[in-house]
Each structure stands twice: as C-alpha cells, then as structure tokens.
PDB file of N, CA and C in Angstrom:
ATOM      1  N   MET A   1       0.080 185.008 -12.206  1.00  0.00           N
ATOM      2  CA  MET A   1       1.268 185.218 -13.012  1.00  0.00           C
ATOM      3  C   MET A   1       1.072 184.546 -14.375  1.00  0.00           C
ATOM      4  N   MET A   2       1.426 185.253 -15.425  1.00  0.00           N
ATOM      5  CA  MET A   2       1.285 184.728 -16.770  1.00  0.00           C
ATOM      6  C   MET A   2       2.475 183.832 -17.092  1.00  0.00           C
ATOM      7  N   THR A   3       2.184 182.572 -17.397  1.00  0.00           N
ATOM      8  CA  THR A   3       3.224 181.625 -17.779  1.00  0.00           C
ATOM      9  C   THR A   3       3.164 181.401 -19.285  1.00  0.00           C
ATOM     10  N   ILE A   4       4.176 180.738 -19.811  1.00  0.00           N
ATOM     11  CA  ILE A   4       4.199 180.443 -21.243  1.00  0.00           C
ATOM     12  C   ILE A   4       2.977 179.615 -21.631  1.00  0.00           C
ATOM     13  N   GLU A   5       2.655 178.628 -20.817  1.00  0.00           N
ATOM     14  CA  GLU A   5       1.527 177.745 -21.135  1.00  0.00           C
ATOM     15  C   GLU A   5       0.212 178.513 -21.200  1.00  0.00           C
ATOM     16  N   ARG A   6      -0.006 179.391 -20.241  1.00  0.00           N
ATOM     17  CA  ARG A   6      -1.241 180.192 -20.239  1.00  0.00           C
ATOM     18  C   ARG A   6      -1.252 181.182 -21.404  1.00  0.00           C
ATOM     19  N   ALA A   7      -0.103 181.767 -21.700  1.00  0.00           N
ATOM     20  CA  ALA A   7      -0.015 182.728 -22.801  1.00  0.00           C
ATOM     21  C   ALA A   7      -0.282 182.047 -24.139  1.00  0.00           C
ATOM     22  N   VAL A   8       0.218 180.826 -24.312  1.00  0.00           N
ATOM     23  CA  VAL A   8      -0.035 180.096 -25.560  1.00  0.00           C
ATOM     24  C   VAL A   8      -1.524 179.811 -25.703  1.00  0.00           C
ATOM     25  N   MET A   9      -2.173 179.382 -24.613  1.00  0.00           N
ATOM     26  CA  MET A   9      -3.606 179.107 -24.674  1.00  0.00           C
ATOM     27  C   MET A   9      -4.407 180.384 -24.975  1.00  0.00           C
ATOM     28  N   LEU A  10      -3.990 181.508 -24.390  1.00  0.00           N
ATOM     29  CA  LEU A  10      -4.638 182.791 -24.664  1.00  0.00           C
ATOM     30  C   LEU A  10      -4.468 183.165 -26.135  1.00  0.00           C
ATOM     31  N   LEU A  11      -3.268 182.992 -26.656  1.00  0.00           N
ATOM     32  CA  LEU A  11      -2.989 183.307 -28.059  1.00  0.00           C
ATOM     33  C   LEU A  11      -3.799 182.415 -28.994  1.00  0.00           C
ATOM     34  N   VAL A  12      -3.811 181.118 -28.724  1.00  0.00           N
ATOM     35  CA  VAL A  12      -4.554 180.168 -29.565  1.00  0.00           C
ATOM     36  C   VAL A  12      -6.044 180.507 -29.565  1.00  0.00           C
ATOM     37  N   GLY A  13      -6.601 180.703 -28.396  1.00  0.00           N
ATOM     38  CA  GLY A  13      -8.022 181.031 -28.314  1.00  0.00           C
ATOM     39  C   GLY A  13      -8.364 182.336 -29.023  1.00  0.00           C
ATOM     40  N   SER A  14      -7.513 183.326 -28.864  1.00  0.00           N
ATOM     41  CA  SER A  14      -7.756 184.626 -29.497  1.00  0.00           C
ATOM     42  C   SER A  14      -7.690 184.531 -31.017  1.00  0.00           C
ATOM     43  N   VAL A  15      -6.712 183.814 -31.536  1.00  0.00           N
ATOM     44  CA  VAL A  15      -6.563 183.694 -32.993  1.00  0.00           C
ATOM     45  C   VAL A  15      -7.717 182.889 -33.590  1.00  0.00           C
ATOM     46  N   VAL A  16      -8.130 181.824 -32.918  1.00  0.00           N
ATOM     47  CA  VAL A  16      -9.267 181.035 -33.409  1.00  0.00           C
ATOM     48  C   VAL A  16     -10.532 181.885 -33.412  1.00  0.00           C
ATOM     49  N   LEU A  17     -10.791 182.599 -32.328  1.00  0.00           N
ATOM     50  CA  LEU A  17     -11.975 183.451 -32.252  1.00  0.00           C
ATOM     51  C   LEU A  17     -11.929 184.560 -33.303  1.00  0.00           C
ATOM     52  N   LEU A  18     -10.772 185.183 -33.472  1.00  0.00           N
ATOM     53  CA  LEU A  18     -10.618 186.220 -34.488  1.00  0.00           C
ATOM     54  C   LEU A  18     -10.891 185.662 -35.882  1.00  0.00           C
ATOM     55  N   GLY A  19     -10.338 184.489 -36.179  1.00  0.00           N
ATOM     56  CA  GLY A  19     -10.556 183.868 -37.486  1.00  0.00           C
ATOM     57  C   GLY A  19     -12.020 183.564 -37.742  1.00  0.00           C
ATOM     58  N   LEU A  20     -12.715 183.076 -36.714  1.00  0.00           N
ATOM     59  CA  LEU A  20     -14.138 182.777 -36.882  1.00  0.00           C
ATOM     60  C   LEU A  20     -14.964 184.042 -37.085  1.00  0.00           C
ATOM     61  N   ILE A  21     -14.654 185.089 -36.331  1.00  0.00           N
ATOM     62  CA  ILE A  21     -15.372 186.362 -36.498  1.00  0.00           C
ATOM     63  C   ILE A  21     -15.120 186.938 -37.884  1.00  0.00           C
ATOM     64  N   LEU A  22     -13.872 186.937 -38.319  1.00  0.00           N
ATOM     65  CA  LEU A  22     -13.550 187.463 -39.649  1.00  0.00           C
ATOM     66  C   LEU A  22     -14.187 186.635 -40.758  1.00  0.00           C
ATOM     67  N   SER A  23     -14.330 185.324 -40.539  1.00  0.00           N
ATOM     68  CA  SER A  23     -14.961 184.490 -41.570  1.00  0.00           C
ATOM     69  C   SER A  23     -16.444 184.804 -41.720  1.00  0.00           C
ATOM     70  N   VAL A  24     -17.074 185.269 -40.651  1.00  0.00           N
ATOM     71  CA  VAL A  24     -18.488 185.646 -40.726  1.00  0.00           C
ATOM     72  C   VAL A  24     -18.640 187.051 -41.295  1.00  0.00           C
ATOM     73  N   VAL A  25     -17.773 187.968 -40.868  1.00  0.00           N
ATOM     74  CA  VAL A  25     -17.918 189.378 -41.231  1.00  0.00           C
ATOM     75  C   VAL A  25     -17.297 189.705 -42.588  1.00  0.00           C
ATOM     76  N   VAL A  26     -16.131 189.134 -42.884  1.00  0.00           N
ATOM     77  CA  VAL A  26     -15.387 189.540 -44.081  1.00  0.00           C
ATOM     78  C   VAL A  26     -15.493 188.516 -45.203  1.00  0.00           C
ATOM     79  N   SER A  27     -14.972 187.317 -44.951  1.00  0.00           N
ATOM     80  CA  SER A  27     -14.930 186.303 -45.998  1.00  0.00           C
ATOM     81  C   SER A  27     -14.778 184.925 -45.367  1.00  0.00           C
ATOM     82  N   PRO A  28     -15.418 183.913 -45.943  1.00  0.00           N
ATOM     83  CA  PRO A  28     -15.252 182.555 -45.424  1.00  0.00           C
ATOM     84  C   PRO A  28     -13.807 182.049 -45.498  1.00  0.00           C
ATOM     85  N   TRP A  29     -12.987 182.664 -46.320  1.00  0.00           N
ATOM     86  CA  TRP A  29     -11.588 182.258 -46.437  1.00  0.00           C
ATOM     87  C   TRP A  29     -10.818 182.462 -45.139  1.00  0.00           C
ATOM     88  N   TRP A  30     -11.343 183.278 -44.225  1.00  0.00           N
ATOM     89  CA  TRP A  30     -10.680 183.474 -42.931  1.00  0.00           C
ATOM     90  C   TRP A  30     -10.727 182.222 -42.075  1.00  0.00           C
ATOM     91  N   GLN A  31     -11.504 181.219 -42.466  1.00  0.00           N
ATOM     92  CA  GLN A  31     -11.531 179.954 -41.727  1.00  0.00           C
ATOM     93  C   GLN A  31     -10.200 179.220 -41.849  1.00  0.00           C
ATOM     94  N   VAL A  32      -9.380 179.636 -42.784  1.00  0.00           N
ATOM     95  CA  VAL A  32      -8.039 179.058 -42.928  1.00  0.00           C
ATOM     96  C   VAL A  32      -7.190 179.369 -41.693  1.00  0.00           C
ATOM     97  N   LEU A  33      -7.398 180.514 -41.078  1.00  0.00           N
ATOM     98  CA  LEU A  33      -6.620 180.900 -39.903  1.00  0.00           C
ATOM     99  C   LEU A  33      -6.829 179.945 -38.722  1.00  0.00           C
ATOM    100  N   PRO A  34      -8.056 179.661 -38.292  1.00  0.00           N
ATOM    101  CA  PRO A  34      -8.223 178.679 -37.222  1.00  0.00           C
ATOM    102  C   PRO A  34      -7.736 177.282 -37.622  1.00  0.00           C
ATOM    103  N   ALA A  35      -7.875 176.939 -38.898  1.00  0.00           N
ATOM    104  CA  ALA A  35      -7.385 175.639 -39.367  1.00  0.00           C
ATOM    105  C   ALA A  35      -5.867 175.558 -39.226  1.00  0.00           C
ATOM    106  N   PHE A  36      -5.179 176.640 -39.545  1.00  0.00           N
ATOM    107  CA  PHE A  36      -3.720 176.691 -39.407  1.00  0.00           C
ATOM    108  C   PHE A  36      -3.321 176.521 -37.943  1.00  0.00           C
ATOM    109  N   VAL A  37      -4.038 177.172 -37.044  1.00  0.00           N
ATOM    110  CA  VAL A  37      -3.760 177.048 -35.614  1.00  0.00           C
ATOM    111  C   VAL A  37      -3.978 175.606 -35.160  1.00  0.00           C
ATOM    112  N   ALA A  38      -5.042 174.990 -35.634  1.00  0.00           N
ATOM    113  CA  ALA A  38      -5.323 173.603 -35.258  1.00  0.00           C
ATOM    114  C   ALA A  38      -4.231 172.662 -35.746  1.00  0.00           C
ATOM    115  N   VAL A  39      -3.755 172.863 -36.954  1.00  0.00           N
ATOM    116  CA  VAL A  39      -2.670 172.033 -37.490  1.00  0.00           C
ATOM    117  C   VAL A  39      -1.408 172.208 -36.651  1.00  0.00           C
ATOM    118  N   ASN A  40      -1.119 173.434 -36.239  1.00  0.00           N
ATOM    119  CA  ASN A  40       0.052 173.671 -35.395  1.00  0.00           C
ATOM    120  C   ASN A  40      -0.092 172.993 -34.037  1.00  0.00           C
ATOM    121  N   MET A  41      -1.297 172.976 -33.486  1.00  0.00           N
ATOM    122  CA  MET A  41      -1.514 172.309 -32.199  1.00  0.00           C
ATOM    123  C   MET A  41      -1.314 170.799 -32.335  1.00  0.00           C
ATOM    124  N   ILE A  42      -1.793 170.236 -33.436  1.00  0.00           N
ATOM    125  CA  ILE A  42      -1.632 168.800 -33.664  1.00  0.00           C
ATOM    126  C   ILE A  42      -0.163 168.437 -33.862  1.00  0.00           C
ATOM    127  N   GLN A  43       0.566 169.242 -34.639  1.00  0.00           N
ATOM    128  CA  GLN A  43       1.977 168.931 -34.858  1.00  0.00           C
ATOM    129  C   GLN A  43       2.766 169.087 -33.569  1.00  0.00           C
ATOM    130  N   PHE A  44       2.340 169.957 -32.660  1.00  0.00           N
ATOM    131  CA  PHE A  44       3.014 170.100 -31.368  1.00  0.00           C
ATOM    132  C   PHE A  44       2.929 168.807 -30.551  1.00  0.00           C
ATOM    133  N   VAL A  45       1.789 168.144 -30.627  1.00  0.00           N
ATOM    134  CA  VAL A  45       1.598 166.897 -29.878  1.00  0.00           C
ATOM    135  C   VAL A  45       2.640 165.862 -30.307  1.00  0.00           C
ATOM    136  N   PHE A  46       2.938 165.805 -31.590  1.00  0.00           N
ATOM    137  CA  PHE A  46       3.855 164.787 -32.103  1.00  0.00           C
ATOM    138  C   PHE A  46       5.323 165.205 -32.052  1.00  0.00           C
ATOM    139  N   THR A  47       5.594 166.511 -32.164  1.00  0.00           N
ATOM    140  CA  THR A  47       6.987 166.959 -32.253  1.00  0.00           C
ATOM    141  C   THR A  47       7.481 167.690 -31.014  1.00  0.00           C
ATOM    142  N   GLY A  48       6.570 168.271 -30.242  1.00  0.00           N
ATOM    143  CA  GLY A  48       6.968 169.074 -29.087  1.00  0.00           C
ATOM    144  C   GLY A  48       7.466 170.452 -29.468  1.00  0.00           C
ATOM    145  N   PHE A  49       7.340 170.823 -30.735  1.00  0.00           N
ATOM    146  CA  PHE A  49       7.811 172.114 -31.235  1.00  0.00           C
ATOM    147  C   PHE A  49       6.658 173.102 -31.303  1.00  0.00           C
ATOM    148  N   CYS A  50       6.785 174.226 -30.577  1.00  0.00           N
ATOM    149  CA  CYS A  50       5.750 175.260 -30.576  1.00  0.00           C
ATOM    150  C   CYS A  50       6.407 176.615 -30.823  1.00  0.00           C
ATOM    151  N   PRO A  51       6.273 177.170 -32.033  1.00  0.00           N
ATOM    152  CA  PRO A  51       6.890 178.461 -32.334  1.00  0.00           C
ATOM    153  C   PRO A  51       6.435 179.578 -31.393  1.00  0.00           C
ATOM    154  N   ALA A  52       5.163 179.577 -31.014  1.00  0.00           N
ATOM    155  CA  ALA A  52       4.649 180.616 -30.119  1.00  0.00           C
ATOM    156  C   ALA A  52       5.347 180.558 -28.762  1.00  0.00           C
ATOM    157  N   ALA A  53       5.558 179.355 -28.240  1.00  0.00           N
ATOM    158  CA  ALA A  53       6.228 179.204 -26.939  1.00  0.00           C
ATOM    159  C   ALA A  53       7.667 179.707 -27.003  1.00  0.00           C
ATOM    160  N   ILE A  54       8.335 179.463 -28.107  1.00  0.00           N
ATOM    161  CA  ILE A  54       9.712 179.937 -28.270  1.00  0.00           C
ATOM    162  C   ILE A  54       9.750 181.461 -28.245  1.00  0.00           C
ATOM    163  N   ILE A  55       8.821 182.089 -28.958  1.00  0.00           N
ATOM    164  CA  ILE A  55       8.768 183.558 -29.000  1.00  0.00           C
ATOM    165  C   ILE A  55       8.437 184.116 -27.620  1.00  0.00           C
ATOM    166  N   LEU A  56       7.473 183.508 -26.942  1.00  0.00           N
ATOM    167  CA  LEU A  56       7.086 183.981 -25.611  1.00  0.00           C
ATOM    168  C   LEU A  56       8.227 183.817 -24.610  1.00  0.00           C
ATOM    169  N   LYS A  57       9.000 182.756 -24.741  1.00  0.00           N
ATOM    170  CA  LYS A  57      10.152 182.554 -23.860  1.00  0.00           C
ATOM    171  C   LYS A  57      11.195 183.641 -24.091  1.00  0.00           C
ATOM    172  N   LYS A  58      11.413 184.003 -25.354  1.00  0.00           N
ATOM    173  CA  LYS A  58      12.365 185.067 -25.675  1.00  0.00           C
ATOM    174  C   LYS A  58      11.879 186.427 -25.169  1.00  0.00           C
ATOM    175  N   LEU A  59      10.560 186.564 -25.020  1.00  0.00           N
ATOM    176  CA  LEU A  59       9.990 187.801 -24.483  1.00  0.00           C
ATOM    177  C   LEU A  59      10.059 187.855 -22.962  1.00  0.00           C
ATOM    178  N   GLY A  60      10.520 186.765 -22.338  1.00  0.00           N
ATOM    179  CA  GLY A  60      10.759 186.787 -20.911  1.00  0.00           C
ATOM    180  C   GLY A  60       9.767 186.031 -20.057  1.00  0.00           C
ATOM    181  N   LEU A  61       8.783 185.376 -20.645  1.00  0.00           N
ATOM    182  CA  LEU A  61       7.839 184.605 -19.845  1.00  0.00           C
ATOM    183  C   LEU A  61       8.499 183.332 -19.351  1.00  0.00           C
ATOM    184  N   LYS A  62       8.087 182.893 -18.193  1.00  0.00           N
ATOM    185  CA  LYS A  62       8.633 181.683 -17.566  1.00  0.00           C
ATOM    186  C   LYS A  62       7.646 180.534 -17.724  1.00  0.00           C
ATOM    187  N   SER A  63       8.169 179.325 -17.717  1.00  0.00           N
ATOM    188  CA  SER A  63       7.334 178.133 -17.781  1.00  0.00           C
ATOM    189  C   SER A  63       6.754 177.848 -16.394  1.00  0.00           C
ATOM    190  N   ALA A  64       5.604 177.194 -16.372  1.00  0.00           N
ATOM    191  CA  ALA A  64       4.949 176.858 -15.106  1.00  0.00           C
ATOM    192  C   ALA A  64       5.753 175.773 -14.391  1.00  0.00           C
ATOM    193  N   PRO A  65       5.835 175.852 -13.066  1.00  0.00           N
ATOM    194  CA  PRO A  65       6.549 174.807 -12.322  1.00  0.00           C
ATOM    195  C   PRO A  65       5.808 173.473 -12.386  1.00  0.00           C
ATOM    196  N   LEU A  66       6.554 172.383 -12.335  1.00  0.00           N
ATOM    197  CA  LEU A  66       5.959 171.057 -12.362  1.00  0.00           C
ATOM    198  C   LEU A  66       5.675 170.607 -10.938  1.00  0.00           C
ATOM    199  N   PHE A  67       4.539 170.906 -10.435  1.00  0.00           N
ATOM    200  CA  PHE A  67       4.076 170.556  -9.082  1.00  0.00           C
ATOM    201  C   PHE A  67       5.191 170.712  -8.108  1.00  0.00           C
TER     202      PHE A  67
END
C-alpha cells in the first residue's frame, strides 16, 4: 500500500534523478532542481512542514501507522 511517506520518498528520488539527468543532457543549470529538493528536505527536519505531504494527503493517501 502506498503511504504518504513512501510517496514523498518516491517523489524526492524521482525529482533528484530527473534533475541530474537533465543537467547532463540539457544544461548544468538543471542542478538547481535537486538542490531545491535538498533544501526542502533540510527545512522539513527543522520545521516539520512538507508541501508534498500536504498535497499527497489531499489526494487521499494515508499516513503509515506507528507500529
């Protein structure tokens, strides 16, 4: 079952990989995309705010149970 946590990790990994591929194929400026994702991950650690999780929750995904 796809949970919010797994969906966020899938989204993060996909965007980072896409940014790296585009930086090799199109322009090095695409490295800004993975950098933006990394900054969002770091700010989540300190604030607990994740825009992707909010959107995924509104789309109907459920959070993983706590053991």
